[in-house]
Amino acid sequence: MYFWAIVLACALVAGLLVPYLYKEIKRGKAQRLSGTPPGTGDVRVGSVSNPAPAQPDAQADPYSARARR
């Protein structure tokens, strides 16, 4: 009796988990093949004087010589 309950529970978990994992793996491969990792939106990278270009809420280094006037 318990054996069939365990087999049924494992089959239900596998039935829900396998399609989800297949979709996630397929999406991960598509992102890897596109060349840019997920979450990258800035075309230009930052520098010391401008750490986040095109981001108005970004702040420069508070300990720089320019900030210590």
N, C-alpha and C. Protein backbone atom coordinates (compact mmCIF):
# COMPACT_ATOMS: atom_id res chain seq x y z
N MET A 1 0.82 -1.19 0.00
CA MET A 1 0.00 0.00 0.00
C MET A 1 0.87 1.26 0.00
N TYR A 2 1.82 1.34 0.93
CA TYR A 2 2.69 2.52 1.01
C TYR A 2 3.59 2.63 -0.20
N PHE A 3 3.98 1.47 -0.74
CA PHE A 3 4.84 1.47 -1.92
C PHE A 3 4.16 2.19 -3.09
N TRP A 4 2.90 1.91 -3.32
CA TRP A 4 2.18 2.54 -4.45
C TRP A 4 1.94 4.02 -4.20
N ALA A 5 1.77 4.39 -2.94
CA ALA A 5 1.60 5.81 -2.62
C ALA A 5 2.90 6.58 -2.91
N ILE A 6 4.03 5.97 -2.58
CA ILE A 6 5.32 6.61 -2.85
C ILE A 6 5.57 6.69 -4.35
N VAL A 7 5.25 5.64 -5.08
CA VAL A 7 5.41 5.64 -6.54
C VAL A 7 4.52 6.69 -7.17
N LEU A 8 3.29 6.81 -6.71
CA LEU A 8 2.37 7.82 -7.24
C LEU A 8 2.86 9.22 -6.92
N ALA A 9 3.35 9.45 -5.72
CA ALA A 9 3.87 10.77 -5.36
C ALA A 9 5.09 11.13 -6.20
N CYS A 10 5.98 10.18 -6.42
CA CYS A 10 7.16 10.44 -7.26
C CYS A 10 6.75 10.72 -8.70
N ALA A 11 5.77 10.02 -9.21
CA ALA A 11 5.31 10.25 -10.58
C ALA A 11 4.68 11.64 -10.71
N LEU A 12 3.93 12.07 -9.73
CA LEU A 12 3.32 13.40 -9.77
C LEU A 12 4.38 14.48 -9.70
N VAL A 13 5.37 14.31 -8.84
CA VAL A 13 6.45 15.30 -8.74
C VAL A 13 7.23 15.36 -10.04
N ALA A 14 7.54 14.22 -10.61
CA ALA A 14 8.28 14.18 -11.88
C ALA A 14 7.44 14.79 -13.00
N GLY A 15 6.15 14.54 -12.99
CA GLY A 15 5.27 15.10 -14.01
C GLY A 15 5.19 16.62 -13.96
N LEU A 16 5.36 17.20 -12.79
CA LEU A 16 5.35 18.65 -12.67
C LEU A 16 6.74 19.25 -12.84
N LEU A 17 7.75 18.55 -12.40
CA LEU A 17 9.10 19.09 -12.41
C LEU A 17 9.79 19.01 -13.76
N VAL A 18 9.58 17.94 -14.51
CA VAL A 18 10.27 17.76 -15.79
C VAL A 18 9.91 18.84 -16.80
N PRO A 19 8.65 19.18 -17.04
CA PRO A 19 8.37 20.26 -18.00
C PRO A 19 8.93 21.61 -17.57
N TYR A 20 8.90 21.90 -16.28
CA TYR A 20 9.44 23.16 -15.78
C TYR A 20 10.95 23.23 -16.02
N LEU A 21 11.65 22.17 -15.68
CA LEU A 21 13.10 22.15 -15.87
C LEU A 21 13.46 22.22 -17.35
N TYR A 22 12.69 21.57 -18.20
CA TYR A 22 12.95 21.63 -19.64
C TYR A 22 12.82 23.06 -20.15
N LYS A 23 11.79 23.76 -19.71
CA LYS A 23 11.58 25.15 -20.14
C LYS A 23 12.70 26.06 -19.63
N GLU A 24 13.11 25.89 -18.38
CA GLU A 24 14.17 26.72 -17.81
C GLU A 24 15.51 26.47 -18.49
N ILE A 25 15.83 25.22 -18.77
CA ILE A 25 17.09 24.91 -19.44
C ILE A 25 17.09 25.45 -20.85
N LYS A 26 15.96 25.35 -21.54
CA LYS A 26 15.87 25.86 -22.90
C LYS A 26 16.02 27.38 -22.91
N ARG A 27 15.41 28.07 -21.94
CA ARG A 27 15.53 29.52 -21.87
C ARG A 27 16.96 29.93 -21.53
N GLY A 28 17.63 29.20 -20.66
CA GLY A 28 19.01 29.49 -20.32
C GLY A 28 19.94 29.32 -21.50
N LYS A 29 19.72 28.30 -22.32
CA LYS A 29 20.55 28.11 -23.50
C LYS A 29 20.31 29.21 -24.51
N ALA A 30 19.08 29.67 -24.64
CA ALA A 30 18.79 30.74 -25.59
C ALA A 30 19.47 32.03 -25.16
N GLN A 31 19.51 32.32 -23.87
CA GLN A 31 20.18 33.52 -23.38
C GLN A 31 21.68 33.41 -23.57
N ARG A 32 22.24 32.23 -23.39
CA ARG A 32 23.67 32.06 -23.54
C ARG A 32 24.08 32.21 -25.00
N LEU A 33 23.26 31.74 -25.92
CA LEU A 33 23.58 31.83 -27.33
C LEU A 33 23.39 33.23 -27.88
N SER A 34 22.59 34.06 -27.20
CA SER A 34 22.35 35.41 -27.70
C SER A 34 23.56 36.32 -27.49
N GLY A 35 24.48 35.97 -26.60
CA GLY A 35 25.70 36.73 -26.41
C GLY A 35 25.67 37.65 -25.21
N THR A 36 24.52 38.11 -24.79
CA THR A 36 24.44 39.00 -23.64
C THR A 36 23.78 38.27 -22.49
N PRO A 37 24.33 38.36 -21.30
CA PRO A 37 23.72 37.70 -20.17
C PRO A 37 22.42 38.40 -19.78
N PRO A 38 21.52 37.71 -19.10
CA PRO A 38 20.27 38.33 -18.71
C PRO A 38 20.51 39.47 -17.73
N GLY A 39 19.79 40.56 -17.93
CA GLY A 39 19.90 41.70 -17.04
C GLY A 39 20.79 42.81 -17.54
N THR A 40 21.50 42.60 -18.64
CA THR A 40 22.34 43.66 -19.16
C THR A 40 21.52 44.56 -20.05
N GLY A 41 21.50 45.83 -19.76
CA GLY A 41 20.72 46.75 -20.55
C GLY A 41 21.52 47.93 -21.03
N ASP A 42 22.64 48.22 -20.39
CA ASP A 42 23.45 49.36 -20.78
C ASP A 42 24.41 48.97 -21.89
N VAL A 43 24.43 49.79 -22.91
CA VAL A 43 25.34 49.54 -24.03
C VAL A 43 26.73 50.03 -23.67
N ARG A 44 26.80 51.13 -22.93
CA ARG A 44 28.09 51.69 -22.53
C ARG A 44 28.39 51.31 -21.09
N VAL A 45 29.61 50.92 -20.86
CA VAL A 45 30.00 50.59 -19.49
C VAL A 45 30.45 51.84 -18.77
N GLY A 46 30.48 51.81 -17.48
CA GLY A 46 30.85 52.98 -16.70
C GLY A 46 32.35 53.17 -16.62
N SER A 47 32.73 54.34 -16.08
CA SER A 47 34.13 54.66 -15.84
C SER A 47 34.26 55.18 -14.42
N VAL A 48 35.44 55.59 -14.03
CA VAL A 48 35.64 56.09 -12.67
C VAL A 48 34.88 57.40 -12.47
N SER A 49 34.91 58.27 -13.48
CA SER A 49 34.24 59.56 -13.33
C SER A 49 32.72 59.45 -13.53
N ASN A 50 32.27 58.46 -14.27
CA ASN A 50 30.84 58.28 -14.51
C ASN A 50 30.52 56.79 -14.38
N PRO A 51 30.21 56.33 -13.15
CA PRO A 51 30.07 54.89 -12.93
C PRO A 51 28.85 54.27 -13.60
N ALA A 52 27.83 55.05 -13.86
CA ALA A 52 26.63 54.49 -14.48
C ALA A 52 26.09 55.48 -15.51
N PRO A 53 26.59 55.42 -16.73
CA PRO A 53 26.12 56.36 -17.74
C PRO A 53 24.64 56.15 -18.04
N ALA A 54 23.95 57.25 -18.28
CA ALA A 54 22.51 57.26 -18.59
C ALA A 54 21.65 56.82 -17.42
N GLN A 55 22.22 56.82 -16.23
CA GLN A 55 21.46 56.48 -15.02
C GLN A 55 21.47 57.70 -14.12
N PRO A 56 20.40 58.50 -14.10
CA PRO A 56 20.42 59.75 -13.34
C PRO A 56 20.54 59.56 -11.83
N ASP A 57 20.16 58.41 -11.32
CA ASP A 57 20.21 58.23 -9.88
C ASP A 57 21.56 57.71 -9.40
N ALA A 58 22.49 57.47 -10.29
CA ALA A 58 23.81 56.95 -9.89
C ALA A 58 24.65 58.07 -9.30
N GLN A 59 25.49 57.72 -8.36
CA GLN A 59 26.36 58.71 -7.72
C GLN A 59 27.81 58.33 -7.95
N ALA A 60 28.64 59.33 -8.07
CA ALA A 60 30.07 59.09 -8.25
C ALA A 60 30.69 58.68 -6.92
N ASP A 61 31.97 58.40 -6.94
CA ASP A 61 32.70 57.99 -5.76
C ASP A 61 32.75 59.14 -4.75
N PRO A 62 32.22 58.98 -3.54
CA PRO A 62 32.21 60.08 -2.56
C PRO A 62 33.60 60.44 -2.03
N TYR A 63 34.58 59.57 -2.24
CA TYR A 63 35.92 59.80 -1.73
C TYR A 63 36.87 60.31 -2.82
N SER A 64 36.34 60.65 -3.99
CA SER A 64 37.21 61.15 -5.05
C SER A 64 37.67 62.58 -4.74
N ALA A 65 38.71 63.03 -5.45
CA ALA A 65 39.24 64.37 -5.22
C ALA A 65 38.22 65.44 -5.59
N ARG A 66 37.41 65.18 -6.58
CA ARG A 66 36.41 66.15 -7.00
C ARG A 66 35.31 66.30 -5.94
N ALA A 67 34.96 65.22 -5.27
CA ALA A 67 33.88 65.27 -4.27
C ALA A 67 34.35 65.91 -2.96
N ARG A 68 35.66 65.98 -2.72
CA ARG A 68 36.17 66.50 -1.45
C ARG A 68 36.53 67.97 -1.53
N ARG A 69 35.90 68.73 -2.37
CA ARG A 69 36.19 70.17 -2.47
C ARG A 69 35.75 70.90 -1.23
